[in-house]
C-alpha atoms as a PDB file:
ATOM      1  CA  MET A   1      31.154   1.936 -58.968  1.00  0.00           C
ATOM      2  CA  LYS A   2      33.203  -0.928 -57.058  1.00  0.00           C
ATOM      3  CA  LYS A   3      36.242   0.092 -58.716  1.00  0.00           C
ATOM      4  CA  ILE A   4      35.827   3.798 -57.365  1.00  0.00           C
ATOM      5  CA  ILE A   5      35.542   2.627 -53.737  1.00  0.00           C
ATOM      6  CA  PHE A   6      37.621  -0.123 -53.507  1.00  0.00           C
ATOM      7  CA  LEU A   7      40.219   3.250 -54.061  1.00  0.00           C
ATOM      8  CA  PHE A   8      39.092   5.102 -52.128  1.00  0.00           C
ATOM      9  CA  ALA A   9      38.869   2.764 -49.001  1.00  0.00           C
ATOM     10  CA  LEU A  10      42.168   2.229 -50.410  1.00  0.00           C
ATOM     11  CA  MET A  11      43.624   6.069 -50.491  1.00  0.00           C
ATOM     12  CA  LEU A  12      41.446   6.341 -46.372  1.00  0.00           C
ATOM     13  CA  SER A  13      43.388   2.919 -45.558  1.00  0.00           C
ATOM     14  CA  VAL A  14      47.005   5.157 -46.070  1.00  0.00           C
ATOM     15  CA  THR A  15      45.800   8.165 -44.557  1.00  0.00           C
ATOM     16  CA  CYS A  16      45.283   5.900 -41.506  1.00  0.00           C
ATOM     17  CA  ALA A  17      48.344   4.127 -41.371  1.00  0.00           C
ATOM     18  CA  ASN A  18      50.362   7.368 -41.735  1.00  0.00           C
ATOM     19  CA  ALA A  19      48.725   8.592 -39.097  1.00  0.00           C
ATOM     20  CA  ALA A  20      48.626   5.665 -36.764  1.00  0.00           C
ATOM     21  CA  ASP A  21      51.351   3.383 -35.229  1.00  0.00           C
ATOM     22  CA  PRO A  22      53.410   6.787 -34.460  1.00  0.00           C
ATOM     23  CA  VAL A  23      56.091   4.776 -32.355  1.00  0.00           C
ATOM     24  CA  LYS A  24      56.496   2.001 -34.666  1.00  0.00           C
ATOM     25  CA  LYS A  25      57.241   4.787 -36.954  1.00  0.00           C
ATOM     26  CA  TRP A  26      59.916   6.510 -35.499  1.00  0.00           C
ATOM     27  CA  GLY A  27      61.150   4.683 -33.198  1.00  0.00           C
ATOM     28  CA  GLN A  28      63.307   5.150 -30.393  1.00  0.00           C
ATOM     29  CA  LEU A  29      62.973   9.236 -30.474  1.00  0.00           C
ATOM     30  CA  GLN A  30      66.450  11.290 -29.571  1.00  0.00           C
ATOM     31  CA  VAL A  31      67.768  14.734 -29.369  1.00  0.00           C
ATOM     32  CA  VAL A  32      70.480  15.554 -31.589  1.00  0.00           C
ATOM     33  CA  GLY A  33      71.516  19.840 -31.645  1.00  0.00           C
ATOM     34  CA  ASN A  34      68.636  21.457 -30.877  1.00  0.00           C
ATOM     35  CA  GLN A  35      66.108  18.648 -33.200  1.00  0.00           C
ATOM     36  CA  LEU A  36      63.144  16.100 -31.640  1.00  0.00           C
ATOM     37  CA  CYS A  37      64.811  13.134 -34.249  1.00  0.00           C
ATOM     38  CA  ASP A  38      63.407   9.725 -34.582  1.00  0.00           C
ATOM     39  CA  LYS A  39      65.647   6.458 -34.696  1.00  0.00           C
ATOM     40  CA  ASP A  40      67.152   7.444 -37.648  1.00  0.00           C
ATOM     41  CA  GLY A  41      68.639  10.978 -36.164  1.00  0.00           C
ATOM     42  CA  ASN A  42      65.709  12.603 -38.630  1.00  0.00           C
ATOM     43  CA  ALA A  43      63.596  15.109 -37.431  1.00  0.00           C
ATOM     44  CA  VAL A  44      60.520  14.526 -35.656  1.00  0.00           C
ATOM     45  CA  VAL A  45      56.662  16.683 -34.221  1.00  0.00           C
ATOM     46  CA  LEU A  46      55.146  15.499 -32.236  1.00  0.00           C
ATOM     47  CA  ARG A  47      51.424  16.282 -32.195  1.00  0.00           C
ATOM     48  CA  GLY A  48      48.696  15.703 -29.523  1.00  0.00           C
ATOM     49  CA  ILE A  49      46.194  16.495 -27.024  1.00  0.00           C
ATOM     50  CA  SER A  50      47.084  16.673 -22.919  1.00  0.00           C
ATOM     51  CA  LEU A  51      44.827  15.026 -20.873  1.00  0.00           C
ATOM     52  CA  GLY A  52      43.422  18.067 -17.716  1.00  0.00           C
ATOM     53  CA  TRP A  53      44.642  17.176 -14.238  1.00  0.00           C
ATOM     54  CA  HIS A  54      44.438  13.737 -13.146  1.00  0.00           C
ATOM     55  CA  ASN A  55      43.086  14.399  -9.683  1.00  0.00           C
ATOM     56  CA  LEU A  56      39.755  16.736 -11.390  1.00  0.00           C
ATOM     57  CA  TRP A  57      39.096  14.722 -14.166  1.00  0.00           C
ATOM     58  CA  PRO A  58      40.094  10.883 -13.281  1.00  0.00           C
ATOM     59  CA  ARG A  59      36.941   9.604 -15.802  1.00  0.00           C
ATOM     60  CA  PHE A  60      39.204  10.190 -18.920  1.00  0.00           C
ATOM     61  CA  TYR A  61      42.142   8.301 -17.880  1.00  0.00           C
ATOM     62  CA  ASN A  62      41.699   5.432 -19.211  1.00  0.00           C
ATOM     63  CA  LYS A  63      42.428   3.522 -21.977  1.00  0.00           C
ATOM     64  CA  LYS A  64      39.969   4.367 -24.210  1.00  0.00           C
ATOM     65  CA  THR A  65      40.498   7.810 -23.949  1.00  0.00           C
ATOM     66  CA  VAL A  66      44.047   7.405 -25.280  1.00  0.00           C
ATOM     67  CA  LYS A  67      42.484   4.275 -28.371  1.00  0.00           C
ATOM     68  CA  ILE A  68      40.659   7.503 -29.341  1.00  0.00           C
ATOM     69  CA  LEU A  69      43.382  10.539 -29.722  1.00  0.00           C
ATOM     70  CA  GLU A  70      45.068   8.054 -31.726  1.00  0.00           C
ATOM     71  CA  ASN A  71      43.043   6.794 -33.768  1.00  0.00           C
ATOM     72  CA  GLU A  72      40.176   9.471 -34.496  1.00  0.00           C
ATOM     73  CA  TRP A  73      42.012  12.443 -33.686  1.00  0.00           C
ATOM     74  CA  HIS A  74      45.661  11.790 -35.145  1.00  0.00           C
ATOM     75  CA  ALA A  75      47.542  12.701 -31.520  1.00  0.00           C
ATOM     76  CA  THR A  76      51.156  11.457 -32.126  1.00  0.00           C
ATOM     77  CA  VAL A  77      51.040  11.815 -28.267  1.00  0.00           C
ATOM     78  CA  VAL A  78      48.846  11.727 -25.148  1.00  0.00           C
ATOM     79  CA  ARG A  79      50.241  14.535 -22.324  1.00  0.00           C
ATOM     80  CA  ALA A  80      48.991  12.645 -18.314  1.00  0.00           C
ATOM     81  CA  ALA A  81      49.204  14.808 -16.309  1.00  0.00           C
ATOM     82  CA  MET A  82      49.076  13.702 -12.792  1.00  0.00           C
ATOM     83  CA  GLY A  83      48.252  15.863  -9.918  1.00  0.00           C
ATOM     84  CA  ILE A  84      50.978  17.457  -7.309  1.00  0.00           C
ATOM     85  CA  GLN A  85      48.647  20.028  -5.692  1.00  0.00           C
ATOM     86  CA  ILE A  86      44.897  20.541  -5.938  1.00  0.00           C
ATOM     87  CA  GLU A  87      42.273  18.431  -3.257  1.00  0.00           C
ATOM     88  CA  ASP A  88      43.191  13.986  -3.963  1.00  0.00           C
ATOM     89  CA  ASN A  89      46.527  15.173  -5.666  1.00  0.00           C
ATOM     90  CA  TYR A  90      49.676  12.561  -6.374  1.00  0.00           C
ATOM     91  CA  LEU A  91      51.230  13.338  -3.027  1.00  0.00           C
ATOM     92  CA  GLU A  92      47.984  12.460  -0.781  1.00  0.00           C
ATOM     93  CA  ASN A  93      46.474   9.553  -2.581  1.00  0.00           C
ATOM     94  CA  PRO A  94      49.330   8.328  -4.009  1.00  0.00           C
ATOM     95  CA  GLU A  95      47.625   4.897  -5.133  1.00  0.00           C
ATOM     96  CA  TRP A  96      44.290   6.383  -6.555  1.00  0.00           C
ATOM     97  CA  ALA A  97      47.181   8.803  -8.735  1.00  0.00           C
ATOM     98  CA  MET A  98      48.395   5.205 -10.104  1.00  0.00           C
ATOM     99  CA  GLY A  99      44.900   3.970 -10.772  1.00  0.00           C
ATOM    100  CA  ARG A 100      45.175   6.509 -13.405  1.00  0.00           C
ATOM    101  CA  MET A 101      47.932   6.856 -14.911  1.00  0.00           C
ATOM    102  CA  ILE A 102      48.886   2.956 -15.400  1.00  0.00           C
ATOM    103  CA  PRO A 103      45.900   2.594 -17.757  1.00  0.00           C
ATOM    104  CA  VAL A 104      46.599   5.358 -20.094  1.00  0.00           C
ATOM    105  CA  ILE A 105      50.655   4.668 -20.022  1.00  0.00           C
ATOM    106  CA  GLU A 106      50.008   1.209 -20.958  1.00  0.00           C
ATOM    107  CA  SER A 107      47.166   1.357 -23.222  1.00  0.00           C
ATOM    108  CA  ALA A 108      49.495   4.159 -25.211  1.00  0.00           C
ATOM    109  CA  ILE A 109      52.337   1.451 -25.323  1.00  0.00           C
ATOM    110  CA  LYS A 110      49.837  -1.283 -27.107  1.00  0.00           C
ATOM    111  CA  ASN A 111      48.697   1.603 -28.757  1.00  0.00           C
ATOM    112  CA  ASN A 112      52.227   2.847 -29.812  1.00  0.00           C
ATOM    113  CA  VAL A 113      52.051   6.136 -29.299  1.00  0.00           C
ATOM    114  CA  TYR A 114      54.604   8.428 -27.442  1.00  0.00           C
ATOM    115  CA  VAL A 115      52.872   9.107 -23.694  1.00  0.00           C
ATOM    116  CA  ILE A 116      54.522  12.184 -22.124  1.00  0.00           C
ATOM    117  CA  ILE A 117      54.173  11.517 -17.842  1.00  0.00           C
ATOM    118  CA  ASP A 118      53.462  14.512 -16.293  1.00  0.00           C
ATOM    119  CA  TRP A 119      54.605  15.727 -12.689  1.00  0.00           C
ATOM    120  CA  HIS A 120      51.386  18.313 -12.796  1.00  0.00           C
ATOM    121  CA  ALA A 121      52.939  21.012  -9.887  1.00  0.00           C
ATOM    122  CA  HIS A 122      53.901  24.598  -9.291  1.00  0.00           C
ATOM    123  CA  THR A 123      56.175  24.426  -6.248  1.00  0.00           C
ATOM    124  CA  MET A 124      59.079  21.729  -5.664  1.00  0.00           C
ATOM    125  CA  HIS A 125      59.252  18.772  -4.216  1.00  0.00           C
ATOM    126  CA  THR A 126      62.574  17.027  -5.145  1.00  0.00           C
ATOM    127  CA  ALA A 127      62.353  13.841  -2.612  1.00  0.00           C
ATOM    128  CA  GLU A 128      59.053  12.716  -4.572  1.00  0.00           C
ATOM    129  CA  ALA A 129      59.318  13.405  -7.416  1.00  0.00           C
ATOM    130  CA  LYS A 130      62.713  11.512  -7.340  1.00  0.00           C
ATOM    131  CA  ALA A 131      61.207   8.741  -6.048  1.00  0.00           C
ATOM    132  CA  PHE A 132      58.159   8.573  -8.394  1.00  0.00           C
ATOM    133  CA  PHE A 133      60.609   9.202 -11.322  1.00  0.00           C
ATOM    134  CA  GLY A 134      62.423   6.290 -10.772  1.00  0.00           C
ATOM    135  CA  LYS A 135      59.873   4.249 -10.586  1.00  0.00           C
ATOM    136  CA  MET A 136      58.496   5.184 -13.396  1.00  0.00           C
ATOM    137  CA  ALA A 137      61.652   4.358 -15.236  1.00  0.00           C
ATOM    138  CA  GLN A 138      62.660   0.966 -13.794  1.00  0.00           C
ATOM    139  CA  LYS A 139      58.786   0.503 -14.741  1.00  0.00           C
ATOM    140  CA  TYR A 140      58.344   1.715 -17.844  1.00  0.00           C
ATOM    141  CA  GLY A 141      61.673   2.496 -19.262  1.00  0.00           C
ATOM    142  CA  LYS A 142      62.545  -0.318 -21.336  1.00  0.00           C
ATOM    143  CA  TYR A 143      59.674   1.203 -24.108  1.00  0.00           C
ATOM    144  CA  PRO A 144      60.535   4.264 -26.318  1.00  0.00           C
ATOM    145  CA  HIS A 145      57.110   5.003 -25.910  1.00  0.00           C
ATOM    146  CA  VAL A 146      57.799   7.025 -22.363  1.00  0.00           C
ATOM    147  CA  ILE A 147      58.412  10.434 -22.277  1.00  0.00           C
ATOM    148  CA  TYR A 148      59.350  12.269 -18.825  1.00  0.00           C
ATOM    149  CA  GLU A 149      57.592  15.757 -17.607  1.00  0.00           C
ATOM    150  CA  LEU A 150      59.792  16.509 -14.948  1.00  0.00           C
ATOM    151  CA  TYR A 151      58.339  19.732 -14.017  1.00  0.00           C
ATOM    152  CA  ASN A 152      55.100  21.493 -15.234  1.00  0.00           C
ATOM    153  CA  GLU A 153      54.923  25.453 -14.504  1.00  0.00           C
ATOM    154  CA  PRO A 154      57.194  26.114 -12.138  1.00  0.00           C
ATOM    155  CA  ILE A 155      56.040  30.172 -10.198  1.00  0.00           C
ATOM    156  CA  ASN A 156      58.965  31.198  -8.178  1.00  0.00           C
ATOM    157  CA  ASP A 157      61.746  28.817  -8.282  1.00  0.00           C
ATOM    158  CA  SER A 158      64.939  30.831  -9.126  1.00  0.00           C
ATOM    159  CA  TRP A 159      66.712  28.193 -12.409  1.00  0.00           C
ATOM    160  CA  ASP A 160      69.838  27.786 -10.515  1.00  0.00           C
ATOM    161  CA  SER A 161      67.592  25.815  -8.055  1.00  0.00           C
ATOM    162  CA  LEU A 162      65.514  24.115 -11.176  1.00  0.00           C
ATOM    163  CA  LYS A 163      68.722  22.810 -12.816  1.00  0.00           C
ATOM    164  CA  ASP A 164      69.336  21.264  -9.392  1.00  0.00           C
ATOM    165  CA  TYR A 165      66.511  19.892  -8.863  1.00  0.00           C
ATOM    166  CA  ALA A 166      66.490  18.565 -12.640  1.00  0.00           C
ATOM    167  CA  LYS A 167      69.829  17.139 -12.250  1.00  0.00           C
ATOM    168  CA  GLU A 168      69.275  15.204  -9.253  1.00  0.00           C
ATOM    169  CA  ILE A 169      66.465  13.204 -11.474  1.00  0.00           C
ATOM    170  CA  ILE A 170      67.458  13.104 -14.075  1.00  0.00           C
ATOM    171  CA  THR A 171      70.576  10.832 -12.700  1.00  0.00           C
ATOM    172  CA  GLU A 172      68.020   8.802 -11.080  1.00  0.00           C
ATOM    173  CA  ILE A 173      66.245   8.209 -14.112  1.00  0.00           C
ATOM    174  CA  ARG A 174      69.122   7.084 -15.798  1.00  0.00           C
ATOM    175  CA  LYS A 175      69.856   4.332 -13.717  1.00  0.00           C
ATOM    176  CA  TYR A 176      67.272   2.808 -14.975  1.00  0.00           C
ATOM    177  CA  ASP A 177      66.452   4.690 -18.459  1.00  0.00           C
ATOM    178  CA  PRO A 178      69.755   5.638 -20.265  1.00  0.00           C
ATOM    179  CA  ASP A 179      67.557   6.939 -23.371  1.00  0.00           C
ATOM    180  CA  ASN A 180      63.980   8.292 -23.412  1.00  0.00           C
ATOM    181  CA  ILE A 181      63.521  12.109 -23.387  1.00  0.00           C
ATOM    182  CA  VAL A 182      63.326  14.269 -20.455  1.00  0.00           C
ATOM    183  CA  LEU A 183      61.236  17.173 -20.574  1.00  0.00           C
ATOM    184  CA  MET A 184      62.039  19.805 -18.419  1.00  0.00           C
ATOM    185  CA  GLY A 185      60.284  22.618 -17.028  1.00  0.00           C
ATOM    186  CA  CYS A 186      61.191  26.850 -16.891  1.00  0.00           C
ATOM    187  CA  PRO A 187      60.659  29.427 -13.959  1.00  0.00           C
ATOM    188  CA  HIS A 188      57.477  31.733 -14.061  1.00  0.00           C
ATOM    189  CA  TRP A 189      55.055  29.372 -15.613  1.00  0.00           C
ATOM    190  CA  ASP A 190      57.075  27.709 -18.455  1.00  0.00           C
ATOM    191  CA  GLN A 191      57.755  30.981 -20.078  1.00  0.00           C
ATOM    192  CA  ASP A 192      61.320  32.266 -19.226  1.00  0.00           C
ATOM    193  CA  ILE A 193      62.580  30.301 -21.472  1.00  0.00           C
ATOM    194  CA  ASP A 194      64.915  32.801 -21.695  1.00  0.00           C
ATOM    195  CA  LEU A 195      66.805  32.273 -19.372  1.00  0.00           C
ATOM    196  CA  VAL A 196      67.229  27.618 -20.169  1.00  0.00           C
ATOM    197  CA  ALA A 197      68.460  28.731 -23.149  1.00  0.00           C
ATOM    198  CA  ALA A 198      71.752  31.744 -21.832  1.00  0.00           C
ATOM    199  CA  SER A 199      71.870  28.052 -19.511  1.00  0.00           C
ATOM    200  CA  PRO A 200      70.919  25.136 -20.377  1.00  0.00           C
ATOM    201  CA  ILE A 201      72.572  22.069 -18.001  1.00  0.00           C
ATOM    202  CA  GLU A 202      75.130  20.482 -18.712  1.00  0.00           C
ATOM    203  CA  GLY A 203      76.189  17.183 -18.831  1.00  0.00           C
ATOM    204  CA  VAL A 204      72.747  15.580 -19.737  1.00  0.00           C
ATOM    205  CA  THR A 205      71.205  14.069 -23.040  1.00  0.00           C
ATOM    206  CA  ASN A 206      68.397  12.965 -24.351  1.00  0.00           C
ATOM    207  CA  VAL A 207      67.024  16.860 -22.709  1.00  0.00           C
ATOM    208  CA  MET A 208      64.594  18.826 -23.819  1.00  0.00           C
ATOM    209  CA  TYR A 209      63.191  22.451 -22.374  1.00  0.00           C
ATOM    210  CA  THR A 210      59.374  22.334 -22.257  1.00  0.00           C
ATOM    211  CA  LEU A 211      57.400  26.352 -22.805  1.00  0.00           C
ATOM    212  CA  HIS A 212      53.937  27.152 -22.352  1.00  0.00           C
ATOM    213  CA  PHE A 213      51.743  29.154 -23.951  1.00  0.00           C
ATOM    214  CA  TYR A 214      47.396  29.852 -23.796  1.00  0.00           C
ATOM    215  CA  ALA A 215      47.727  32.109 -27.571  1.00  0.00           C
ATOM    216  CA  ALA A 216      44.978  35.203 -26.480  1.00  0.00           C
ATOM    217  CA  THR A 217      47.635  36.074 -23.858  1.00  0.00           C
ATOM    218  CA  HIS A 218      50.881  35.011 -25.146  1.00  0.00           C
ATOM    219  CA  LYS A 219      51.865  36.830 -28.304  1.00  0.00           C
ATOM    220  CA  ASP A 220      54.887  37.609 -29.849  1.00  0.00           C
ATOM    221  CA  GLY A 221      57.083  38.649 -26.793  1.00  0.00           C
ATOM    222  CA  LEU A 222      57.379  35.360 -26.497  1.00  0.00           C
ATOM    223  CA  ARG A 223      57.811  34.247 -29.610  1.00  0.00           C
ATOM    224  CA  ASP A 224      60.337  35.586 -29.838  1.00  0.00           C
ATOM    225  CA  LYS A 225      61.706  33.705 -27.269  1.00  0.00           C
ATOM    226  CA  LEU A 226      60.908  30.548 -28.042  1.00  0.00           C
ATOM    227  CA  LYS A 227      62.314  31.602 -32.495  1.00  0.00           C
ATOM    228  CA  ALA A 228      65.574  33.191 -30.316  1.00  0.00           C
ATOM    229  CA  ALA A 229      66.150  29.874 -27.757  1.00  0.00           C
ATOM    230  CA  VAL A 230      65.550  27.114 -30.614  1.00  0.00           C
ATOM    231  CA  ASN A 231      67.391  29.116 -33.654  1.00  0.00           C
ATOM    232  CA  GLY A 232      70.299  29.453 -30.129  1.00  0.00           C
ATOM    233  CA  GLY A 233      70.124  25.859 -30.273  1.00  0.00           C
ATOM    234  CA  LEU A 234      67.737  24.814 -27.459  1.00  0.00           C
ATOM    235  CA  PRO A 235      65.977  21.882 -27.896  1.00  0.00           C
ATOM    236  CA  VAL A 236      62.654  23.311 -26.691  1.00  0.00           C
ATOM    237  CA  PHE A 237      59.129  20.911 -26.014  1.00  0.00           C
ATOM    238  CA  VAL A 238      55.661  22.957 -25.889  1.00  0.00           C
ATOM    239  CA  SER A 239      53.956  20.303 -23.830  1.00  0.00           C
ATOM    240  CA  GLU A 240      50.927  22.366 -22.655  1.00  0.00           C
ATOM    241  CA  CYS A 241      48.895  25.032 -24.965  1.00  0.00           C
ATOM    242  CA  ALA A 242      45.274  26.189 -26.293  1.00  0.00           C
ATOM    243  CA  GLY A 243      43.733  28.943 -27.977  1.00  0.00           C
ATOM    244  CA  MET A 244      42.409  31.206 -26.142  1.00  0.00           C
ATOM    245  CA  GLU A 245      43.582  33.720 -22.372  1.00  0.00           C
ATOM    246  CA  ALA A 246      45.684  31.946 -19.510  1.00  0.00           C
ATOM    247  CA  SER A 247      43.895  31.821 -17.322  1.00  0.00           C
ATOM    248  CA  GLY A 248      41.923  28.447 -19.440  1.00  0.00           C
ATOM    249  CA  ASN A 249      38.659  31.165 -20.140  1.00  0.00           C
ATOM    250  CA  GLY A 250      37.463  34.321 -22.795  1.00  0.00           C
ATOM    251  CA  PRO A 251      37.458  33.877 -26.535  1.00  0.00           C
ATOM    252  CA  LEU A 252      39.310  32.121 -28.893  1.00  0.00           C
ATOM    253  CA  ASN A 253      41.817  33.697 -30.075  1.00  0.00           C
ATOM    254  CA  ILE A 254      42.257  32.389 -33.815  1.00  0.00           C
ATOM    255  CA  GLU A 255      44.509  34.652 -35.642  1.00  0.00           C
ATOM    256  CA  GLU A 256      47.398  34.333 -32.551  1.00  0.00           C
ATOM    257  CA  TRP A 257      46.937  30.105 -32.625  1.00  0.00           C
ATOM    258  CA  GLN A 258      48.026  30.024 -36.268  1.00  0.00           C
ATOM    259  CA  LYS A 259      50.368  32.354 -36.070  1.00  0.00           C
ATOM    260  CA  TRP A 260      51.686  29.589 -32.817  1.00  0.00           C
ATOM    261  CA  VAL A 261      51.166  26.796 -35.524  1.00  0.00           C
ATOM    262  CA  ASP A 262      53.094  28.790 -37.746  1.00  0.00           C
ATOM    263  CA  MET A 263      56.023  29.400 -36.248  1.00  0.00           C
ATOM    264  CA  MET A 264      56.160  25.397 -34.245  1.00  0.00           C
ATOM    265  CA  GLU A 265      55.911  24.010 -37.984  1.00  0.00           C
ATOM    266  CA  SER A 266      58.466  26.260 -39.500  1.00  0.00           C
ATOM    267  CA  LEU A 267      60.661  25.727 -36.007  1.00  0.00           C
ATOM    268  CA  LYS A 268      59.682  22.385 -35.899  1.00  0.00           C
ATOM    269  CA  VAL A 269      58.782  22.325 -31.933  1.00  0.00           C
ATOM    270  CA  SER A 270      56.580  18.907 -30.601  1.00  0.00           C
ATOM    271  CA  TYR A 271      53.599  20.067 -28.727  1.00  0.00           C
ATOM    272  CA  ALA A 272      50.417  18.912 -26.365  1.00  0.00           C
ATOM    273  CA  CYS A 273      46.984  21.191 -27.076  1.00  0.00           C
ATOM    274  CA  TRP A 274      45.500  21.825 -23.056  1.00  0.00           C
ATOM    275  CA  SER A 275      43.313  20.170 -22.003  1.00  0.00           C
ATOM    276  CA  LEU A 276      40.809  16.352 -22.549  1.00  0.00           C
ATOM    277  CA  SER A 277      38.227  17.902 -19.519  1.00  0.00           C
ATOM    278  CA  ASP A 278      35.014  19.101 -19.176  1.00  0.00           C
ATOM    279  CA  LYS A 279      35.245  22.003 -17.606  1.00  0.00           C
ATOM    280  CA  ASP A 280      32.337  25.217 -17.688  1.00  0.00           C
ATOM    281  CA  GLU A 281      35.850  26.933 -19.459  1.00  0.00           C
ATOM    282  CA  THR A 282      37.027  27.592 -23.034  1.00  0.00           C
ATOM    283  CA  CYS A 283      40.149  25.128 -22.672  1.00  0.00           C
ATOM    284  CA  SER A 284      38.482  21.987 -21.668  1.00  0.00           C
ATOM    285  CA  MET A 285      37.688  19.843 -24.731  1.00  0.00           C
ATOM    286  CA  LEU A 286      34.174  17.768 -24.054  1.00  0.00           C
ATOM    287  CA  LEU A 287      30.774  18.834 -22.725  1.00  0.00           C
ATOM    288  CA  PRO A 288      30.228  17.291 -19.422  1.00  0.00           C
ATOM    289  CA  ARG A 289      27.993  14.751 -20.768  1.00  0.00           C
ATOM    290  CA  ALA A 290      30.687  13.626 -23.002  1.00  0.00           C
ATOM    291  CA  GLU A 291      30.908   9.819 -22.359  1.00  0.00           C
ATOM    292  CA  LYS A 292      34.595   9.141 -20.229  1.00  0.00           C
ATOM    293  CA  ASP A 293      35.169   6.448 -23.344  1.00  0.00           C
ATOM    294  CA  GLY A 294      33.090   7.943 -25.875  1.00  0.00           C
ATOM    295  CA  PRO A 295      32.281   8.292 -29.002  1.00  0.00           C
ATOM    296  CA  TRP A 296      32.624  11.902 -28.826  1.00  0.00           C
ATOM    297  CA  THR A 297      30.423  13.311 -31.720  1.00  0.00           C
ATOM    298  CA  ASP A 298      30.906  16.862 -32.806  1.00  0.00           C
ATOM    299  CA  ASP A 299      28.046  18.298 -30.909  1.00  0.00           C
ATOM    300  CA  LEU A 300      29.603  16.528 -27.902  1.00  0.00           C
ATOM    301  CA  ILE A 301      32.903  18.192 -28.650  1.00  0.00           C
ATOM    302  CA  LYS A 302      33.359  22.119 -28.000  1.00  0.00           C
ATOM    303  CA  PRO A 303      35.305  25.249 -29.585  1.00  0.00           C
ATOM    304  CA  TRP A 304      38.273  24.815 -28.608  1.00  0.00           C
ATOM    305  CA  GLY A 305      38.340  20.628 -29.110  1.00  0.00           C
ATOM    306  CA  LYS A 306      37.231  20.880 -32.515  1.00  0.00           C
ATOM    307  CA  MET A 307      39.862  23.235 -32.883  1.00  0.00           C
ATOM    308  CA  ALA A 308      42.264  21.592 -32.248  1.00  0.00           C
ATOM    309  CA  ARG A 309      41.391  18.610 -33.592  1.00  0.00           C
ATOM    310  CA  GLN A 310      41.572  20.328 -36.705  1.00  0.00           C
ATOM    311  CA  THR A 311      45.357  20.659 -35.903  1.00  0.00           C
ATOM    312  CA  ILE A 312      46.477  17.540 -35.324  1.00  0.00           C
ATOM    313  CA  MET A 313      44.253  15.812 -37.423  1.00  0.00           C
ATOM    314  CA  GLU A 314      46.066  17.674 -40.258  1.00  0.00           C
ATOM    315  CA  LYS A 315      49.199  18.541 -39.478  1.00  0.00           C
ATOM    316  CA  ASN A 316      49.742  14.415 -38.647  1.00  0.00           C
ATOM    317  CA  ARG A 317      48.306  13.412 -41.983  1.00  0.00           C
END
């Protein structure tokens, strides 16, 4: 019996070791062709969780949240969505916003998990974004853990104007950080990846382009766009996705979610599930009575949270 228990414990420790410390395992990420790769040029797929807007769910922006997502949910990437809109956003209250962001970023670094610093906006603020990402690159650019997301879900901006925006901010980042991954959004709520594929940003390295989907709304049409873009050579990162309607509500569509997961896995596209929050909506993963720093037992995790966690745990084994 003791031998069986020892072998079980050993197997469990190996499984946990494979899921833990992704930055130790993969190191400095790079883009090779259309693929996110590790320090040695081997293809990597990051799978993880996006926190909700910092200005709506600030209580989850803490060090223990990151540790739980890596150690218990087996996330290899955590996305910190810094709100640039709605009340008490970064533009209105930058000091308070950074008080939420810094614990998440620094906990990710400590726990060797990748972290996306997300400028969570729907309208363009070039000067402010440039200053912010310059500061982030100076402070955190030496760590391979960091990924910069320049613009979450542009709505009305043309791709030409978005390219100009991206080039200006990338130039600022590269003054201090020559190699960490940069993610850039595309027009129409991160849907028009075909426009990006037809005219990607020139003269930049380690840049990927984001696509977002909600499985009950976005189906074969958007999947076809993703497949065509990646097969055409575009490096794509799905930095926000979920299994319900684009409103964040409505029933989960398990069949469509699985189709998306199967496609992302086959194309080796990384993804972050939306969102770690506690609103009364389908896409919020936790109930309001969940403690900010856990533990989150199954009775505190809503159906979408369980589904996202299951996907990540299975694929990151």
